Protein backbone atom coordinates (compact mmCIF):
# COMPACT_ATOMS: atom_id res chain seq x y z
CA UNK A 1 7.87 -41.50 87.77
CA UNK A 2 10.51 -42.01 85.65
CA UNK A 3 10.43 -41.52 82.21
CA UNK A 4 9.98 -44.43 79.63
CA UNK A 5 11.25 -42.45 76.31
CA UNK A 6 13.92 -41.31 78.13
CA UNK A 7 14.16 -44.94 79.47
CA UNK A 8 14.42 -46.10 75.52
CA UNK A 9 16.63 -43.64 73.77
CA UNK A 10 19.26 -44.30 76.75
CA UNK A 11 19.63 -47.89 75.85
CA UNK A 12 22.12 -49.02 73.19
CA UNK A 13 21.25 -49.45 69.71
CA UNK A 14 21.59 -52.49 67.65
CA UNK A 15 23.46 -52.33 64.45
CA UNK A 16 21.80 -51.88 61.66
CA UNK A 17 20.96 -54.42 58.84
CA UNK A 18 24.00 -54.76 57.04
CA UNK A 19 26.25 -52.81 59.68
CA UNK A 20 27.64 -56.07 61.21
CA UNK A 21 28.66 -57.25 57.62
CA UNK A 22 30.50 -54.38 57.23
CA UNK A 23 32.15 -55.13 60.02
CA UNK A 24 33.16 -58.50 59.59
CA UNK A 25 34.12 -57.36 56.72
CA UNK A 26 36.68 -54.98 57.48
CA UNK A 27 38.15 -56.77 60.17
CA UNK A 28 38.61 -59.36 57.97
CA UNK A 29 40.57 -57.30 54.71
CA UNK A 30 42.48 -55.96 57.88
CA UNK A 31 43.30 -59.38 58.88
CA UNK A 32 43.76 -60.42 55.68
CA UNK A 33 46.14 -57.43 55.09
CA UNK A 34 48.08 -57.81 58.35
CA UNK A 35 48.75 -61.43 57.25
CA UNK A 36 50.27 -60.19 53.69
CA UNK A 37 52.61 -58.06 54.91
CA UNK A 38 53.66 -60.63 57.54
CA UNK A 39 54.08 -63.56 55.15
CA UNK A 40 55.78 -60.42 52.54
CA UNK A 41 57.91 -59.25 55.17
CA UNK A 42 58.96 -63.01 56.48
CA UNK A 43 60.07 -63.86 52.22
CA UNK A 44 62.11 -60.64 52.21
CA UNK A 45 63.80 -61.01 54.88
CA UNK A 46 64.00 -63.95 56.40
CA UNK A 47 63.90 -67.27 53.42
CA UNK A 48 66.66 -68.02 52.07
CA UNK A 49 67.06 -67.55 48.32
CA UNK A 50 65.35 -70.89 47.04
CA UNK A 51 62.51 -69.99 49.20
CA UNK A 52 62.18 -66.88 47.57
CA UNK A 53 62.50 -68.65 43.95
CA UNK A 54 59.59 -70.89 44.58
CA UNK A 55 56.56 -70.42 42.47
CA UNK A 56 54.01 -69.72 45.14
CA UNK A 57 57.19 -67.22 46.91
CA UNK A 58 57.21 -65.51 43.25
CA UNK A 59 53.36 -65.06 43.60
CA UNK A 60 52.80 -63.62 46.58
CA UNK A 61 55.87 -61.36 46.42
CA UNK A 62 54.65 -60.38 42.47
CA UNK A 63 53.96 -56.82 40.76
CA UNK A 64 55.24 -54.55 44.17
CA UNK A 65 57.98 -52.73 44.17
CA UNK A 66 60.87 -55.54 43.73
CA UNK A 67 58.83 -55.83 40.03
CA UNK A 68 59.84 -52.01 39.33
CA UNK A 69 63.39 -51.39 38.75
CA UNK A 70 64.36 -48.21 40.63
CA UNK A 71 62.20 -48.38 43.83
CA UNK A 72 62.02 -47.25 46.81
CA UNK A 73 64.03 -49.66 49.60
CA UNK A 74 62.41 -50.94 52.79
CA UNK A 75 62.97 -48.73 55.59
CA UNK A 76 65.33 -50.15 58.45
CA UNK A 77 62.59 -49.54 61.09
CA UNK A 78 59.63 -51.96 61.55
CA UNK A 79 56.98 -48.14 60.81
CA UNK A 80 59.31 -47.93 58.10
CA UNK A 81 58.74 -51.21 56.95
CA UNK A 82 55.09 -51.72 56.98
CA UNK A 83 54.56 -47.73 55.67
CA UNK A 84 56.91 -49.34 52.41
CA UNK A 85 54.86 -52.43 52.32
CA UNK A 86 50.81 -50.67 51.98
CA UNK A 87 52.44 -47.78 49.79
CA UNK A 88 55.20 -48.79 47.48
CA UNK A 89 55.59 -52.27 47.46
CA UNK A 90 51.84 -52.55 47.80
CA UNK A 91 50.24 -56.28 46.41
CA UNK A 92 49.76 -56.32 42.50
CA UNK A 93 50.86 -52.51 42.24
CA UNK A 94 51.64 -52.54 38.64
CA UNK A 95 48.10 -53.38 37.59
CA UNK A 96 46.68 -50.87 39.75
CA UNK A 97 48.65 -47.85 38.79
CA UNK A 98 48.07 -49.46 35.10
CA UNK A 99 44.48 -49.19 35.53
CA UNK A 100 44.39 -45.31 36.85
CA UNK A 101 46.60 -44.60 34.09
CA UNK A 102 44.03 -46.22 31.89
CA UNK A 103 41.30 -43.94 33.66
CA UNK A 104 43.03 -41.34 32.48
CA UNK A 105 43.96 -41.30 29.17
CA UNK A 106 40.37 -42.53 29.08
CA UNK A 107 39.72 -38.56 29.97
CA UNK A 108 42.21 -37.54 28.51
CA UNK A 109 44.02 -35.92 31.78
CA UNK A 110 47.06 -34.54 31.72
CA UNK A 111 47.84 -31.88 33.80
CA UNK A 112 51.13 -31.44 35.64
CA UNK A 113 51.62 -30.39 39.20
CA UNK A 114 52.67 -27.04 40.14
CA UNK A 115 53.91 -28.37 43.43
CA UNK A 116 56.34 -31.01 43.91
CA UNK A 117 58.77 -32.22 41.51
CA UNK A 118 59.25 -34.86 38.54
CA UNK A 119 55.65 -34.49 38.03
CA UNK A 120 55.63 -36.76 34.74
CA UNK A 121 52.99 -35.96 31.70
CA UNK A 122 52.59 -35.99 27.95
CA UNK A 123 54.38 -33.28 25.89
CA UNK A 124 53.10 -34.29 22.75
CA UNK A 125 53.18 -37.53 20.92
CA UNK A 126 54.26 -39.64 23.38
CA UNK A 127 57.16 -37.73 24.70
CA UNK A 128 57.51 -37.35 28.51
CA UNK A 129 58.41 -34.50 30.18
CA UNK A 130 58.59 -33.38 33.92
CA UNK A 131 57.98 -30.22 35.87
CA UNK A 132 61.42 -29.30 36.66
CA UNK A 133 62.64 -26.77 38.91
CA UNK A 134 63.90 -25.72 42.13
CA UNK A 135 63.41 -22.97 45.14
CA UNK A 136 65.56 -19.63 44.54
CA UNK A 137 67.25 -20.85 48.13
CA UNK A 138 68.20 -23.60 47.03
CA UNK A 139 69.39 -22.89 43.95
CA UNK A 140 71.40 -20.34 45.36
CA UNK A 141 72.93 -22.99 47.89
CA UNK A 142 74.06 -25.10 44.83
CA UNK A 143 75.66 -22.53 42.21
CA UNK A 144 77.87 -21.69 46.03
CA UNK A 145 78.56 -25.61 46.55
CA UNK A 146 79.72 -25.70 42.50
CA UNK A 147 82.14 -22.50 42.60
CA UNK A 148 83.41 -23.45 45.82
CA UNK A 149 84.22 -27.40 44.81
CA UNK A 150 85.41 -25.31 41.31
CA UNK A 151 87.60 -23.64 43.25
CA UNK A 152 89.04 -26.37 45.77
CA UNK A 153 89.61 -28.78 42.36
CA UNK A 154 91.46 -25.86 40.56
CA UNK A 155 93.53 -25.67 44.09
CA UNK A 156 94.37 -29.65 44.36
CA UNK A 157 94.76 -29.25 40.57
CA UNK A 158 97.12 -26.69 39.62
CA UNK A 159 97.40 -25.56 36.11
CA UNK A 160 95.23 -28.72 34.74
CA UNK A 161 92.81 -27.01 32.26
CA UNK A 162 88.71 -27.43 34.08
CA UNK A 163 86.04 -27.40 31.26
CA UNK A 164 81.87 -27.48 32.69
CA UNK A 165 79.40 -28.66 29.94
CA UNK A 166 76.43 -28.05 29.34
CA UNK A 167 74.01 -31.14 28.72
CA UNK A 168 71.76 -30.61 25.91
CA UNK A 169 68.43 -29.73 26.67
CA UNK A 170 65.14 -31.60 26.65
CA UNK A 171 63.08 -28.87 25.52
CA UNK A 172 64.19 -25.37 23.90
CA UNK A 173 62.28 -22.23 22.93
CA UNK A 174 60.05 -23.58 19.92
CA UNK A 175 58.79 -25.67 23.35
CA UNK A 176 56.67 -22.47 24.79
CA UNK A 177 54.09 -24.98 26.88
CA UNK A 178 56.96 -26.55 28.36
CA UNK A 179 60.00 -24.37 28.71
CA UNK A 180 60.15 -21.82 31.67
CA UNK A 181 56.46 -22.92 32.06
CA UNK A 182 57.16 -26.59 33.83
CA UNK A 183 60.24 -27.65 32.76
CA UNK A 184 62.55 -24.61 34.07
CA UNK A 185 66.39 -26.50 33.28
CA UNK A 186 66.76 -23.64 30.85
CA UNK A 187 67.14 -20.87 32.88
CA UNK A 188 68.44 -22.74 35.94
CA UNK A 189 71.38 -23.66 33.44
CA UNK A 190 71.00 -20.15 32.00
CA UNK A 191 72.05 -18.63 35.96
CA UNK A 192 74.24 -21.00 36.50
CA UNK A 193 77.03 -19.85 33.20
CA UNK A 194 78.03 -16.39 34.18
CA UNK A 195 78.60 -17.72 38.28
CA UNK A 196 81.07 -20.40 36.47
CA UNK A 197 83.48 -17.84 34.42
CA UNK A 198 83.46 -15.19 38.40
CA UNK A 199 86.09 -18.56 38.50
CA UNK A 200 87.68 -18.42 35.41
CA UNK A 201 85.83 -21.62 34.26
CA UNK A 202 85.48 -21.94 30.92
CA UNK A 203 82.52 -23.51 29.25
CA UNK A 204 81.31 -25.63 26.65
CA UNK A 205 77.19 -25.43 26.81
CA UNK A 206 76.13 -28.51 24.01
CA UNK A 207 72.24 -27.02 23.79
CA UNK A 208 74.20 -23.93 21.37
CA UNK A 209 75.79 -27.25 19.61
CA UNK A 210 73.05 -29.19 18.99
CA UNK A 211 70.98 -26.36 17.81
CA UNK A 212 73.26 -26.02 15.22
CA UNK A 213 72.85 -29.54 14.42
CA UNK A 214 69.16 -28.40 13.18
CA UNK A 215 67.82 -31.19 14.94
CA UNK A 216 65.41 -30.71 17.72
CA UNK A 217 65.87 -31.40 21.42
CA UNK A 218 63.70 -34.10 21.89
CA UNK A 219 65.56 -36.21 19.30
CA UNK A 220 68.80 -36.23 21.75
CA UNK A 221 66.28 -38.25 24.61
CA UNK A 222 65.25 -41.47 25.21
CA UNK A 223 60.99 -40.23 24.99
CA UNK A 224 60.70 -42.22 28.68
CA UNK A 225 63.27 -41.38 30.37
CA UNK A 226 65.05 -38.12 30.79
CA UNK A 227 68.88 -39.41 29.55
CA UNK A 228 69.49 -38.65 26.49
CA UNK A 229 70.50 -41.68 24.37
CA UNK A 230 73.44 -43.40 24.04
CA UNK A 231 74.24 -42.22 20.25
CA UNK A 232 73.48 -38.33 21.54
CA UNK A 233 76.03 -39.72 24.35
CA UNK A 234 78.66 -40.44 21.15
CA UNK A 235 77.61 -37.45 19.62
CA UNK A 236 78.52 -35.81 23.24
CA UNK A 237 81.60 -36.98 24.03
CA UNK A 238 82.83 -36.63 20.63
CA UNK A 239 81.76 -32.24 21.23
CA UNK A 240 84.36 -32.83 24.83
CA UNK A 241 87.08 -34.29 22.97
CA UNK A 242 86.99 -31.57 19.77
CA UNK A 243 86.78 -29.05 22.67
CA UNK A 244 89.64 -30.93 24.58
CA UNK A 245 91.91 -30.34 21.62
CA UNK A 246 90.73 -27.17 20.02
CA UNK A 247 90.94 -25.18 23.66
CA UNK A 248 93.52 -26.94 25.83
CA UNK A 249 95.79 -28.99 22.65
CA UNK A 250 94.84 -32.07 24.74
CA UNK A 251 95.64 -34.66 22.04
CA UNK A 252 91.96 -36.27 22.41
CA UNK A 253 91.72 -39.01 19.08
CA UNK A 254 88.55 -37.36 17.65
CA UNK A 255 88.79 -39.91 15.12
CA UNK A 256 88.48 -42.38 17.58
CA UNK A 257 84.99 -41.11 18.41
CA UNK A 258 83.63 -40.87 14.82
CA UNK A 259 80.63 -41.92 14.66
CA UNK A 260 81.79 -44.30 12.07
CA UNK A 261 84.21 -46.13 14.61
CA UNK A 262 81.23 -47.52 16.48
CA UNK A 263 78.89 -49.86 15.61
CA UNK A 264 75.93 -50.91 17.81
CA UNK A 265 72.69 -53.64 18.08
CA UNK A 266 69.75 -51.72 18.70
CA UNK A 267 66.71 -53.66 21.09
CA UNK A 268 63.08 -53.26 20.19
CA UNK A 269 60.41 -51.86 22.71
CA UNK A 270 63.53 -52.98 25.12
CA UNK A 271 63.65 -50.22 27.74
CA UNK A 272 60.81 -48.09 29.49
CA UNK A 273 62.54 -45.16 31.47
CA UNK A 274 61.68 -43.81 34.40
CA UNK A 275 59.46 -41.24 33.25
CA UNK A 276 57.53 -44.11 31.73
CA UNK A 277 57.34 -46.55 34.60
CA UNK A 278 55.71 -43.68 36.06
CA UNK A 279 53.00 -43.21 33.33
CA UNK A 280 53.00 -47.26 33.04
CA UNK A 281 52.71 -48.70 29.54
CA UNK A 282 48.79 -48.10 29.42
CA UNK A 283 49.75 -44.21 28.16
CA UNK A 284 53.11 -44.94 26.73
CA UNK A 285 55.56 -47.42 24.53
CA UNK A 286 58.65 -48.57 26.07
CA UNK A 287 61.70 -46.75 23.91
CA UNK A 288 64.33 -49.06 21.59
CA UNK A 289 67.96 -48.78 23.10
CA UNK A 290 71.35 -49.65 21.24
CA UNK A 291 74.38 -51.04 23.03
CA UNK A 292 77.39 -49.38 21.13
CA UNK A 293 80.94 -50.16 20.50
CA UNK A 294 83.94 -49.72 18.73
CA UNK A 295 84.32 -51.43 15.52
CA UNK A 296 88.36 -51.84 15.55
CA UNK A 297 89.80 -54.35 17.98
CA UNK A 298 90.17 -52.48 22.02
CA UNK A 299 91.89 -52.99 24.41
CA UNK A 300 89.49 -51.71 27.41
CA UNK A 301 90.32 -52.59 31.72
CA UNK A 302 87.77 -50.85 33.84
CA UNK A 303 87.57 -50.63 37.55
CA UNK A 304 84.95 -50.36 40.03
CA UNK A 305 85.82 -50.68 43.25
CA UNK A 306 81.89 -49.92 44.78
CA UNK A 307 80.83 -52.50 42.92
CA UNK A 308 84.26 -54.88 43.22
CA UNK A 309 84.35 -55.20 38.89
CA UNK A 310 87.52 -55.36 37.40
CA UNK A 311 87.44 -56.72 34.09
CA UNK A 312 89.63 -56.35 31.31
CA UNK A 313 88.59 -56.66 27.47
CA UNK A 314 87.03 -54.64 24.01
CA UNK A 315 83.73 -53.08 24.48
CA UNK A 316 81.29 -55.13 25.90
CA UNK A 317 83.65 -55.88 28.74
CA UNK A 318 82.07 -51.32 30.00
CA UNK A 319 78.20 -53.43 30.09
CA UNK A 320 76.77 -54.67 32.91
CA UNK A 321 74.77 -57.03 30.93
CA UNK A 322 72.06 -58.01 33.55
CA UNK A 323 70.53 -54.70 33.04
CA UNK A 324 69.48 -56.37 29.69
CA UNK A 325 67.45 -59.36 31.40
CA UNK A 326 64.29 -59.05 33.22
CA UNK A 327 60.48 -60.28 32.67
CA UNK A 328 59.40 -56.71 31.95
CA UNK A 329 59.99 -53.21 30.98
CA UNK A 330 59.44 -52.42 34.37
CA UNK A 331 60.99 -55.18 36.35
CA UNK A 332 65.37 -53.80 34.63
CA UNK A 333 67.43 -50.82 33.07
CA UNK A 334 68.41 -51.43 29.96
CA UNK A 335 70.40 -47.81 30.08
CA UNK A 336 72.02 -49.11 34.19
CA UNK A 337 74.21 -51.50 31.63
CA UNK A 338 76.38 -48.56 30.36
CA UNK A 339 79.38 -48.64 32.63
CA UNK A 340 77.24 -50.67 35.65
CA UNK A 341 75.34 -48.24 36.11
CA UNK A 342 75.72 -45.56 39.36
CA UNK A 343 78.66 -45.54 40.80
CA UNK A 344 81.06 -43.69 43.22
CA UNK A 345 84.07 -43.96 41.40
CA UNK A 346 84.86 -45.56 38.04
CA UNK A 347 88.75 -45.85 36.36
CA UNK A 348 89.03 -47.27 32.55
CA UNK A 349 92.51 -47.14 31.34
CA UNK A 350 92.93 -47.48 27.37
CA UNK A 351 95.47 -49.87 26.68
CA UNK A 352 95.18 -49.33 23.05
CA UNK A 353 96.13 -45.67 24.28
CA UNK A 354 99.30 -46.05 26.58
CA UNK A 355 99.59 -42.45 26.18
CA UNK A 356 96.41 -40.59 25.45
CA UNK A 357 95.74 -38.39 27.93
CA UNK A 358 94.16 -38.64 31.33
CA UNK A 359 90.97 -37.14 31.65
CA UNK A 360 88.87 -37.02 35.03
CA UNK A 361 85.27 -36.22 35.21
CA UNK A 362 83.23 -34.74 37.88
CA UNK A 363 79.53 -36.60 35.97
CA UNK A 364 76.15 -38.33 37.13
CA UNK A 365 74.22 -40.88 35.63
CA UNK A 366 74.32 -38.96 32.62
CA UNK A 367 78.00 -40.30 31.88
CA UNK A 368 76.54 -43.90 32.06
CA UNK A 369 76.78 -43.67 28.42
CA UNK A 370 79.29 -41.03 27.76
CA UNK A 371 82.23 -42.45 29.28
CA UNK A 372 82.45 -45.47 27.43
CA UNK A 373 83.06 -43.69 24.05
CA UNK A 374 84.99 -40.91 25.53
CA UNK A 375 87.37 -43.22 26.76
CA UNK A 376 88.76 -44.43 23.26
CA UNK A 377 90.09 -41.65 22.52
CA UNK A 378 91.60 -41.19 26.03
CA UNK A 379 94.62 -43.15 27.29
CA UNK A 380 92.65 -42.50 30.84
CA UNK A 381 89.27 -41.83 32.31
CA UNK A 382 88.19 -41.60 35.80
CA UNK A 383 84.29 -40.65 36.59
CA UNK A 384 83.46 -39.22 39.95
CA UNK A 385 79.15 -39.42 40.90
CA UNK A 386 78.99 -36.60 43.73
CA UNK A 387 75.41 -37.95 44.38
CA UNK A 388 77.74 -41.16 46.11
CA UNK A 389 81.54 -40.22 46.19
CA UNK A 390 81.53 -38.40 50.16
CA UNK A 391 85.37 -37.88 50.02
CA UNK A 392 87.29 -34.57 49.44
CA UNK A 393 88.08 -34.12 46.53
CA UNK A 394 92.00 -33.68 47.85
CA UNK A 395 91.78 -37.77 47.95
CA UNK A 396 91.69 -37.56 43.98
CA UNK A 397 95.44 -35.83 44.12
CA UNK A 398 97.23 -40.02 44.42
CA UNK A 399 94.82 -40.65 41.37
CA UNK A 400 96.93 -37.61 38.97
CA UNK A 401 98.18 -36.23 37.59
CA UNK A 402 95.49 -35.17 34.80
CA UNK A 403 96.04 -33.61 31.91
CA UNK A 404 91.65 -31.92 31.66
CA UNK A 405 88.96 -31.84 34.07
CA UNK A 406 85.52 -31.88 33.35
CA UNK A 407 82.40 -31.57 35.00
CA UNK A 408 79.20 -32.82 33.27
CA UNK A 409 75.84 -32.93 34.97
CA UNK A 410 71.98 -32.80 34.63
CA UNK A 411 71.93 -30.67 37.25
CA UNK A 412 74.45 -30.38 40.17
CA UNK A 413 74.63 -32.64 42.86
CA UNK A 414 72.74 -31.59 46.71
CA UNK A 415 74.64 -28.46 47.49
CA UNK A 416 75.17 -30.37 50.94
CA UNK A 417 77.62 -32.92 49.00
CA UNK A 418 79.21 -30.12 47.01
CA UNK A 419 79.74 -28.89 50.27
CA UNK A 420 81.50 -32.06 51.57
CA UNK A 421 83.82 -33.08 49.10
CA UNK A 422 85.13 -29.02 48.55
CA UNK A 423 86.23 -29.50 52.01
CA UNK A 424 90.21 -30.71 52.26
CA UNK A 425 89.56 -31.37 55.89
CA UNK A 426 85.59 -32.94 55.36
CA UNK A 427 85.22 -37.44 55.69
CA UNK A 428 89.36 -37.29 55.75
CA UNK A 429 89.10 -40.28 57.80
CA UNK A 430 86.39 -42.40 54.90
């Protein structure tokens, strides 16, 4: 005789009260997300400028990655695009991030991660820091790449002085809770200096020069960004000019790099740096930023092949004013106004000093607020950003001769980039 209890237990279970509602809600959320993704994808990739500028389209695209300067761009495949839409470009991303930051501020959370890279924290009083370290293997590869680049550059430009400049540090030994605890930039640079001397490269350590001024390391930098300020950039340009003149006798016009030779306009609360964008306005305040130019009339000519920029004029011709415009501190980068932001190759000619020295500068984004000032004391300045430059150093020989070559990095470029540009035969056809 069949067991009625077994029959009942094998029967399909009916939904409990509320489960059906949750299932409907889940499907509704999933459907809404798919519709939102489809609409936003069509607006970004298929719609024209007139449609994207309409109030409705701007609302649909609002507060995602497009409103955060420097955000990663969408991938090339549908899967990468979907991942980008649901993470980086999630709707109302900024309010959600600010809400999370407000909660962290409320509970007093300020613990940088020991794993990962570029984890942001408040180093005190609103001055932001980031954890900065590399594995020993990567450091070894970078150092080997730097030495190989120096050797190749010396072979390409024989009898040309090579000067490696260590930039000012964001933290110093007095910051014992940060320096060599979360930020190992000083140890990384200290480790590199003896290896530079292996290839007979002169070193100018601006950490020491800045300490000799009696100012704290933090005074050289923005509070919400890892770059130093334009005022510090002018100081760095003067230090490099004085070093080139004093050590090698290169006639850099150091008087043209004096503070009184420049003037600027300060834009209040205009710059929320890369660290601040991650910390959000709920936990930090934007920096002031100065746009600085020469007092005396000047005649500069700038050429940026990557951006098809060619301009001639005074100091203002070296500034991209579009970077000063934006709806909020999240969606623009005033620091990028200097030298038109990051570029593989930039040439600046100072027609006011036609007989001035010709300088070649290997640098990263820290040269944006440096090159615009250094060229005032030179006749010609060419900057190369090896994070974006993909041709061998030998290709630069046609740009020479140069009176001096300066290496100025906040951190060395990726090792694979250094290896590529240091090979004469690599990428020669590109």
